[in-house]
Amino acid sequence: MEITLQISYKHRDELLNQVIKKLKLFIEYQLSNLLFAKHILDLLIDINNLNNHAIDIIVLAQMQPIAAENYLAIKRHLNKICLQATNEYRWEIKQLHAIEQTYASLYTTKTFRNFTDPMDKGLSNEA
């Protein structure tokens, strides 16, 4: 799963030294409260691109195949966590979006019909 944050150039000094570290720690901490975090094998965060109006920060989450069943919910949670981080650290974002990978082939009509958010099943560790 890939999420891209476009952060304003006004944060460029902080970006080189602190943004990536802070974002990774923030995401890892927030994920620790969710049971599906055990299905995330690796989390990579880095500068991806320099645009005319923003700096792209890429968040790549490599997941176990078992996580495909809850892919959409996991994507929503990661997007929300990234947005929370921008609010926490007061980073101005230009855009936030997730890019779908080839997991679409893992979903069937039956899977979508029976899809449930892990939060609905009480899979969160939060009280």
C-alpha atoms as a PDB file:
ATOM      1  CA  MET A   1       0.000   0.000   0.000  1.00  0.00           C
ATOM      2  CA  GLU A   2       1.310   3.416  -0.902  1.00  0.00           C
ATOM      3  CA  ILE A   3       0.247   6.736   0.557  1.00  0.00           C
ATOM      4  CA  THR A   4       1.640  10.043  -0.636  1.00  0.00           C
ATOM      5  CA  LEU A   5       1.642  13.207   1.445  1.00  0.00           C
ATOM      6  CA  GLN A   6       2.396  16.421  -0.370  1.00  0.00           C
ATOM      7  CA  ILE A   7       3.928  18.714   2.229  1.00  0.00           C
ATOM      8  CA  SER A   8       4.442  22.430   1.634  1.00  0.00           C
ATOM      9  CA  TYR A   9       7.928  23.711   0.809  1.00  0.00           C
ATOM     10  CA  LYS A  10       7.751  25.968   3.852  1.00  0.00           C
ATOM     11  CA  HIS A  11       8.684  22.859   5.884  1.00  0.00           C
ATOM     12  CA  ARG A  12      11.764  22.036   3.760  1.00  0.00           C
ATOM     13  CA  ASP A  13      14.331  22.663   6.508  1.00  0.00           C
ATOM     14  CA  GLU A  14      12.460  20.503   8.995  1.00  0.00           C
ATOM     15  CA  LEU A  15      11.768  17.937   6.296  1.00  0.00           C
ATOM     16  CA  LEU A  16      15.437  17.170   5.748  1.00  0.00           C
ATOM     17  CA  ASN A  17      16.106  16.555   9.414  1.00  0.00           C
ATOM     18  CA  GLN A  18      12.929  15.659  11.264  1.00  0.00           C
ATOM     19  CA  VAL A  19       9.714  15.140   9.292  1.00  0.00           C
ATOM     20  CA  ILE A  20      10.451  11.617   8.075  1.00  0.00           C
ATOM     21  CA  LYS A  21      11.589  10.426  11.522  1.00  0.00           C
ATOM     22  CA  LYS A  22       8.612  12.050  13.263  1.00  0.00           C
ATOM     23  CA  LEU A  23       6.144  10.660  10.724  1.00  0.00           C
ATOM     24  CA  LYS A  24       7.518   7.116  11.011  1.00  0.00           C
ATOM     25  CA  LEU A  25       7.442   7.175  14.818  1.00  0.00           C
ATOM     26  CA  PHE A  26       3.941   8.656  14.818  1.00  0.00           C
ATOM     27  CA  ILE A  27       2.599   6.026  12.388  1.00  0.00           C
ATOM     28  CA  GLU A  28       4.262   3.144  14.250  1.00  0.00           C
ATOM     29  CA  TYR A  29       2.858   4.354  17.572  1.00  0.00           C
ATOM     30  CA  GLN A  30      -0.665   4.793  16.181  1.00  0.00           C
ATOM     31  CA  LEU A  31      -0.536   1.392  14.481  1.00  0.00           C
ATOM     32  CA  SER A  32       0.458  -0.243  17.754  1.00  0.00           C
ATOM     33  CA  ASN A  33      -3.114   0.411  18.939  1.00  0.00           C
ATOM     34  CA  LEU A  34      -4.600  -1.632  16.081  1.00  0.00           C
ATOM     35  CA  LEU A  35      -4.540  -5.417  15.823  1.00  0.00           C
ATOM     36  CA  PHE A  36      -3.935  -5.456  12.073  1.00  0.00           C
ATOM     37  CA  ALA A  37      -0.527  -3.849  12.695  1.00  0.00           C
ATOM     38  CA  LYS A  38       0.873  -7.351  13.152  1.00  0.00           C
ATOM     39  CA  HIS A  39       0.195  -7.896   9.438  1.00  0.00           C
ATOM     40  CA  ILE A  40       2.401  -4.971   8.384  1.00  0.00           C
ATOM     41  CA  LEU A  41       5.814  -6.395   7.536  1.00  0.00           C
ATOM     42  CA  ASP A  42       7.660  -3.186   6.757  1.00  0.00           C
ATOM     43  CA  LEU A  43       7.047   0.546   6.763  1.00  0.00           C
ATOM     44  CA  LEU A  44       9.161   2.795   4.547  1.00  0.00           C
ATOM     45  CA  ILE A  45       8.881   6.580   4.618  1.00  0.00           C
ATOM     46  CA  ASP A  46      11.005   8.822   2.416  1.00  0.00           C
ATOM     47  CA  ILE A  47      11.045  11.829   0.094  1.00  0.00           C
ATOM     48  CA  ASN A  48       9.647  10.657  -3.215  1.00  0.00           C
ATOM     49  CA  ASN A  49       9.405  13.702  -5.458  1.00  0.00           C
ATOM     50  CA  LEU A  50       9.843  17.475  -5.565  1.00  0.00           C
ATOM     51  CA  ASN A  51       6.858  19.096  -7.265  1.00  0.00           C
ATOM     52  CA  ASN A  52       6.266  22.717  -8.209  1.00  0.00           C
ATOM     53  CA  HIS A  53       4.076  23.294  -5.164  1.00  0.00           C
ATOM     54  CA  ALA A  54       5.020  20.589  -2.619  1.00  0.00           C
ATOM     55  CA  ILE A  55       7.407  17.857  -1.548  1.00  0.00           C
ATOM     56  CA  ASP A  56       6.038  14.332  -1.892  1.00  0.00           C
ATOM     57  CA  ILE A  57       6.577  12.088   1.115  1.00  0.00           C
ATOM     58  CA  ILE A  58       5.861   8.456   0.363  1.00  0.00           C
ATOM     59  CA  VAL A  59       4.598   6.011   2.981  1.00  0.00           C
ATOM     60  CA  LEU A  60       4.924   2.402   1.844  1.00  0.00           C
ATOM     61  CA  ALA A  61       3.392  -0.337   3.950  1.00  0.00           C
ATOM     62  CA  GLN A  62       4.262  -3.892   2.980  1.00  0.00           C
ATOM     63  CA  MET A  63       1.636  -6.267   4.336  1.00  0.00           C
ATOM     64  CA  GLN A  64       1.130  -9.985   4.708  1.00  0.00           C
ATOM     65  CA  PRO A  65      -1.341 -11.512   2.224  1.00  0.00           C
ATOM     66  CA  ILE A  66      -3.780 -12.198   5.061  1.00  0.00           C
ATOM     67  CA  ALA A  67      -4.255  -8.438   5.386  1.00  0.00           C
ATOM     68  CA  ALA A  68      -5.848  -8.262   1.918  1.00  0.00           C
ATOM     69  CA  GLU A  69      -9.217  -9.092   3.438  1.00  0.00           C
ATOM     70  CA  ASN A  70      -9.113  -5.803   5.354  1.00  0.00           C
ATOM     71  CA  TYR A  71      -7.114  -3.801   2.812  1.00  0.00           C
ATOM     72  CA  LEU A  72      -9.649  -0.988   2.483  1.00  0.00           C
ATOM     73  CA  ALA A  73      -9.980  -0.521   6.234  1.00  0.00           C
ATOM     74  CA  ILE A  74      -6.202  -0.560   6.683  1.00  0.00           C
ATOM     75  CA  LYS A  75      -5.827   2.034   3.926  1.00  0.00           C
ATOM     76  CA  ARG A  76      -8.408   4.269   5.624  1.00  0.00           C
ATOM     77  CA  HIS A  77      -6.619   3.959   8.959  1.00  0.00           C
ATOM     78  CA  LEU A  78      -3.216   4.766   7.443  1.00  0.00           C
ATOM     79  CA  ASN A  79      -4.650   7.804   5.664  1.00  0.00           C
ATOM     80  CA  LYS A  80      -6.214   8.964   8.921  1.00  0.00           C
ATOM     81  CA  ILE A  81      -2.954   8.426  10.835  1.00  0.00           C
ATOM     82  CA  CYS A  82      -1.000  10.431   8.251  1.00  0.00           C
ATOM     83  CA  LEU A  83      -3.538  13.253   8.488  1.00  0.00           C
ATOM     84  CA  GLN A  84      -3.349  13.149  12.296  1.00  0.00           C
ATOM     85  CA  ALA A  85       0.443  13.460  12.074  1.00  0.00           C
ATOM     86  CA  THR A  86       0.170  16.566   9.880  1.00  0.00           C
ATOM     87  CA  ASN A  87      -2.176  18.111  12.437  1.00  0.00           C
ATOM     88  CA  GLU A  88      -0.016  17.088  15.401  1.00  0.00           C
ATOM     89  CA  TYR A  89       3.134  18.628  13.912  1.00  0.00           C
ATOM     90  CA  ARG A  90       1.345  21.472  12.084  1.00  0.00           C
ATOM     91  CA  TRP A  91       2.667  20.508   8.656  1.00  0.00           C
ATOM     92  CA  GLU A  92       0.807  22.173   5.813  1.00  0.00           C
ATOM     93  CA  ILE A  93      -0.246  19.532   3.320  1.00  0.00           C
ATOM     94  CA  LYS A  94      -1.116  20.168  -0.289  1.00  0.00           C
ATOM     95  CA  GLN A  95      -2.589  16.733  -0.947  1.00  0.00           C
ATOM     96  CA  LEU A  96      -2.949  13.298   0.649  1.00  0.00           C
ATOM     97  CA  HIS A  97      -3.793  10.256  -1.410  1.00  0.00           C
ATOM     98  CA  ALA A  98      -3.452   6.496  -1.409  1.00  0.00           C
ATOM     99  CA  ILE A  99      -2.488   4.543  -4.488  1.00  0.00           C
ATOM    100  CA  GLU A 100      -4.078   1.179  -5.085  1.00  0.00           C
ATOM    101  CA  GLN A 101      -1.771  -1.698  -5.834  1.00  0.00           C
ATOM    102  CA  THR A 102      -2.560  -5.003  -7.468  1.00  0.00           C
ATOM    103  CA  TYR A 103      -4.688  -6.167  -4.545  1.00  0.00           C
ATOM    104  CA  ALA A 104      -7.806  -5.575  -6.630  1.00  0.00           C
ATOM    105  CA  SER A 105      -7.405  -9.055  -8.056  1.00  0.00           C
ATOM    106  CA  LEU A 106      -7.677 -10.456  -4.527  1.00  0.00           C
ATOM    107  CA  TYR A 107     -11.119  -8.977  -4.048  1.00  0.00           C
ATOM    108  CA  THR A 108     -14.220 -10.634  -5.380  1.00  0.00           C
ATOM    109  CA  THR A 109     -17.810  -9.499  -5.345  1.00  0.00           C
ATOM    110  CA  LYS A 110     -18.345 -11.837  -2.402  1.00  0.00           C
ATOM    111  CA  THR A 111     -15.452 -10.254  -0.512  1.00  0.00           C
ATOM    112  CA  PHE A 112     -16.873  -6.769  -0.993  1.00  0.00           C
ATOM    113  CA  ARG A 113     -20.369  -7.901  -0.080  1.00  0.00           C
ATOM    114  CA  ASN A 114     -19.073  -9.438   3.158  1.00  0.00           C
ATOM    115  CA  PHE A 115     -16.435  -6.788   3.845  1.00  0.00           C
ATOM    116  CA  THR A 116     -16.359  -5.518   7.400  1.00  0.00           C
ATOM    117  CA  ASP A 117     -14.159  -2.925   8.961  1.00  0.00           C
ATOM    118  CA  PRO A 118     -11.909  -4.398  11.681  1.00  0.00           C
ATOM    119  CA  MET A 119     -13.123  -1.615  13.955  1.00  0.00           C
ATOM    120  CA  ASP A 120     -16.667  -2.966  13.567  1.00  0.00           C
ATOM    121  CA  LYS A 121     -15.521  -6.391  14.780  1.00  0.00           C
ATOM    122  CA  GLY A 122     -13.783  -4.930  17.797  1.00  0.00           C
ATOM    123  CA  LEU A 123     -10.355  -5.728  16.373  1.00  0.00           C
ATOM    124  CA  SER A 124      -8.931  -2.537  17.800  1.00  0.00           C
ATOM    125  CA  ASN A 125      -6.822  -2.720  20.922  1.00  0.00           C
ATOM    126  CA  GLU A 126      -8.281   0.609  21.994  1.00  0.00           C
ATOM    127  CA  ALA A 127     -10.720   0.548  24.874  1.00  0.00           C
END
